[in-house]
């Protein structure tokens, strides 16, 4: 990590008003993406809470990527890996969202794409901020790149497995048989 300027105990690339304004939007968007991503993960799937949270997650992660690109200007080319991983996260989220919106058959591409986007977002966060975080600062730099995937891959795998083995999950609205009306 490139040494930055001190700001409230953290090293930031710049203390200019423009940088700090973009950083504020970036942090707020990341908070939206993290919170609504978790809500979408744990919510009952189908229309309603899951879909609304997913839309907010998409908005959040796209804003995170856009602001990350703007912030990278202040620390280019050192931030190029963060822009690449952010692009992977944003592209995966758009693909997962579009897959659902276009009513494509199956849920596995949607689950996989959204999971990859969440892992990419967390990876970029830890690569950039891990060296400044308590406990994380004791880890080798490679850990920041692999821990989100090591933790996230089994969670994604479990979600896919549950979708493929319906007897191990609650029925979704489209799975329920509707009684015929006379």
Protein backbone atom coordinates (compact mmCIF):
# COMPACT_ATOMS: atom_id res chain seq x y z
CA UNK A 1 0.00 0.00 0.00
CA UNK A 2 1.22 3.45 -0.85
CA UNK A 3 1.69 5.72 2.15
CA UNK A 4 -0.95 8.45 2.21
CA UNK A 5 -1.72 11.50 4.27
CA UNK A 6 -2.97 11.10 7.86
CA UNK A 7 -6.67 11.87 8.33
CA UNK A 8 -8.40 11.00 11.62
CA UNK A 9 -5.84 8.27 12.29
CA UNK A 10 -6.11 6.73 8.83
CA UNK A 11 -3.86 7.05 5.82
CA UNK A 12 -5.80 8.51 2.89
CA UNK A 13 -4.50 9.28 -0.59
CA UNK A 14 -5.31 12.97 -0.24
CA UNK A 15 -6.91 15.38 2.18
CA UNK A 16 -8.29 17.59 -0.59
CA UNK A 17 -11.95 18.52 -0.29
CA UNK A 18 -12.73 16.79 -3.59
CA UNK A 19 -11.10 13.52 -2.54
CA UNK A 20 -12.81 13.54 0.87
CA UNK A 21 -16.20 14.30 -0.71
CA UNK A 22 -15.84 11.37 -3.13
CA UNK A 23 -14.58 9.17 -0.28
CA UNK A 24 -17.67 10.06 1.78
CA UNK A 25 -20.00 9.00 -1.03
CA UNK A 26 -17.87 5.87 -1.56
CA UNK A 27 -18.13 4.83 2.10
CA UNK A 28 -21.88 5.54 2.20
CA UNK A 29 -22.45 3.52 -0.99
CA UNK A 30 -20.36 0.66 0.39
CA UNK A 31 -22.46 0.68 3.55
CA UNK A 32 -25.65 0.50 1.45
CA UNK A 33 -24.23 -2.37 -0.62
CA UNK A 34 -23.04 -4.34 2.40
CA UNK A 35 -26.27 -3.97 4.37
CA UNK A 36 -28.67 -4.60 1.50
CA UNK A 37 -26.50 -7.44 0.21
CA UNK A 38 -26.89 -9.21 3.54
CA UNK A 39 -30.64 -8.47 3.62
CA UNK A 40 -31.00 -9.97 0.13
CA UNK A 41 -28.99 -13.04 1.18
CA UNK A 42 -31.10 -13.82 4.23
CA UNK A 43 -34.52 -12.71 2.96
CA UNK A 44 -37.09 -15.15 1.64
CA UNK A 45 -36.42 -15.41 -2.07
CA UNK A 46 -38.89 -14.13 -4.61
CA UNK A 47 -40.77 -10.86 -4.98
CA UNK A 48 -40.74 -8.56 -1.98
CA UNK A 49 -37.90 -7.97 0.44
CA UNK A 50 -35.31 -10.01 -1.51
CA UNK A 51 -35.97 -8.16 -4.76
CA UNK A 52 -36.04 -4.70 -3.14
CA UNK A 53 -32.83 -5.37 -1.22
CA UNK A 54 -31.22 -6.71 -4.40
CA UNK A 55 -32.03 -3.50 -6.27
CA UNK A 56 -30.51 -1.41 -3.47
CA UNK A 57 -27.47 -3.70 -3.43
CA UNK A 58 -27.00 -3.16 -7.17
CA UNK A 59 -27.29 0.62 -6.80
CA UNK A 60 -24.81 0.53 -3.94
CA UNK A 61 -22.20 -1.60 -5.66
CA UNK A 62 -22.41 0.45 -8.88
CA UNK A 63 -21.90 3.63 -6.85
CA UNK A 64 -18.98 2.00 -5.02
CA UNK A 65 -17.36 1.12 -8.34
CA UNK A 66 -17.94 4.58 -9.84
CA UNK A 67 -16.51 6.35 -6.80
CA UNK A 68 -13.61 3.85 -6.60
CA UNK A 69 -12.67 4.80 -10.15
CA UNK A 70 -12.75 8.47 -9.20
CA UNK A 71 -10.68 7.85 -6.06
CA UNK A 72 -8.14 5.80 -8.02
CA UNK A 73 -7.20 8.93 -9.97
CA UNK A 74 -5.55 10.22 -6.80
CA UNK A 75 -3.38 7.12 -6.42
CA UNK A 76 -2.89 5.83 -9.94
CA UNK A 77 -1.46 3.28 -10.96
CA UNK A 78 -1.26 1.75 -7.45
CA UNK A 79 -5.07 1.49 -7.33
CA UNK A 80 -5.37 -0.33 -10.67
CA UNK A 81 -5.88 -3.74 -8.95
CA UNK A 82 -8.71 -2.23 -6.88
CA UNK A 83 -10.37 -0.85 -10.01
CA UNK A 84 -10.10 -4.26 -11.70
CA UNK A 85 -11.59 -6.16 -8.75
CA UNK A 86 -14.28 -3.46 -8.44
CA UNK A 87 -15.08 -3.88 -12.13
CA UNK A 88 -15.43 -7.63 -11.63
CA UNK A 89 -17.78 -7.01 -8.71
CA UNK A 90 -19.91 -4.46 -10.57
CA UNK A 91 -20.07 -6.57 -13.75
CA UNK A 92 -21.04 -9.67 -11.75
CA UNK A 93 -23.79 -7.78 -9.95
CA UNK A 94 -25.18 -6.38 -13.21
CA UNK A 95 -25.11 -9.86 -14.77
CA UNK A 96 -26.85 -11.44 -11.75
CA UNK A 97 -29.49 -8.72 -11.69
CA UNK A 98 -30.08 -8.87 -15.45
CA UNK A 99 -30.30 -12.67 -15.34
CA UNK A 100 -33.20 -12.41 -12.89
CA UNK A 101 -34.89 -9.47 -14.63
CA UNK A 102 -34.84 -11.30 -17.97
CA UNK A 103 -36.54 -14.28 -16.30
CA UNK A 104 -33.89 -16.75 -17.42
CA UNK A 105 -34.48 -20.33 -16.23
CA UNK A 106 -32.60 -21.46 -13.15
CA UNK A 107 -31.20 -19.61 -10.18
CA UNK A 108 -27.61 -20.81 -10.13
CA UNK A 109 -26.16 -18.12 -12.46
CA UNK A 110 -27.93 -15.44 -10.38
CA UNK A 111 -26.65 -16.87 -7.07
CA UNK A 112 -23.12 -17.29 -8.40
CA UNK A 113 -22.91 -13.82 -9.98
CA UNK A 114 -24.27 -11.99 -6.95
CA UNK A 115 -22.03 -13.99 -4.61
CA UNK A 116 -18.97 -13.21 -6.72
CA UNK A 117 -19.87 -9.51 -6.70
CA UNK A 118 -20.13 -9.48 -2.90
CA UNK A 119 -16.81 -11.33 -2.51
CA UNK A 120 -15.13 -8.92 -4.95
CA UNK A 121 -16.43 -5.92 -3.00
CA UNK A 122 -15.11 -7.30 0.29
CA UNK A 123 -11.79 -8.28 -1.31
CA UNK A 124 -11.24 -4.74 -2.58
CA UNK A 125 -12.11 -3.38 0.86
CA UNK A 126 -9.65 -5.65 2.67
CA UNK A 127 -6.85 -5.19 0.12
CA UNK A 128 -7.13 -1.41 0.52
CA UNK A 129 -7.94 -1.19 4.24
CA UNK A 130 -6.72 -4.43 5.81
CA UNK A 131 -3.26 -3.13 6.67
CA UNK A 132 -4.90 -0.39 8.80
CA UNK A 133 -7.44 -2.60 10.60
CA UNK A 134 -6.79 -4.12 14.02
CA UNK A 135 -6.02 -7.86 13.83
CA UNK A 136 -6.09 -7.72 10.01
CA UNK A 137 -2.88 -5.67 10.13
CA UNK A 138 -1.15 -8.76 11.54
CA UNK A 139 -1.95 -10.82 8.43
CA UNK A 140 0.25 -11.13 5.34
CA UNK A 141 -0.93 -9.11 2.29
CA UNK A 142 -1.98 -12.27 0.42
CA UNK A 143 -4.59 -12.92 3.13
CA UNK A 144 -6.49 -9.79 2.12
CA UNK A 145 -6.87 -11.23 -1.39
CA UNK A 146 -7.99 -14.75 -0.42
CA UNK A 147 -9.91 -14.64 2.88
CA UNK A 148 -13.14 -13.19 1.39
CA UNK A 149 -13.17 -15.98 -1.24
CA UNK A 150 -12.31 -18.68 1.31
CA UNK A 151 -15.22 -17.56 3.50
CA UNK A 152 -17.64 -16.72 0.66
CA UNK A 153 -17.17 -19.74 -1.63
CA UNK A 154 -18.68 -22.26 0.82
CA UNK A 155 -21.62 -19.93 1.47
CA UNK A 156 -22.28 -19.64 -2.27
CA UNK A 157 -21.81 -23.39 -2.66
CA UNK A 158 -24.35 -24.05 0.10
CA UNK A 159 -26.89 -21.71 -1.51
CA UNK A 160 -26.45 -23.45 -4.87
CA UNK A 161 -26.66 -26.90 -3.25
CA UNK A 162 -29.88 -25.93 -1.44
CA UNK A 163 -31.38 -24.66 -4.69
CA UNK A 164 -30.48 -27.90 -6.48
CA UNK A 165 -31.84 -30.05 -3.63
CA UNK A 166 -35.27 -28.56 -2.90
CA UNK A 167 -36.08 -31.00 -0.10
CA UNK A 168 -33.44 -29.18 1.98
CA UNK A 169 -35.03 -25.74 1.75
CA UNK A 170 -38.32 -23.95 2.26
CA UNK A 171 -40.48 -23.87 -0.86
CA UNK A 172 -40.32 -20.70 -2.93
CA UNK A 173 -43.54 -19.04 -4.11
CA UNK A 174 -43.10 -20.45 -7.63
CA UNK A 175 -42.69 -23.96 -6.16
CA UNK A 176 -46.04 -23.99 -4.41
CA UNK A 177 -48.91 -25.73 -6.11
CA UNK A 178 -51.92 -23.49 -6.34
CA UNK A 179 -55.28 -25.23 -5.84
CA UNK A 180 -57.59 -25.04 -8.81
CA UNK A 181 -60.60 -22.82 -8.39
CA UNK A 182 -63.93 -24.04 -9.64
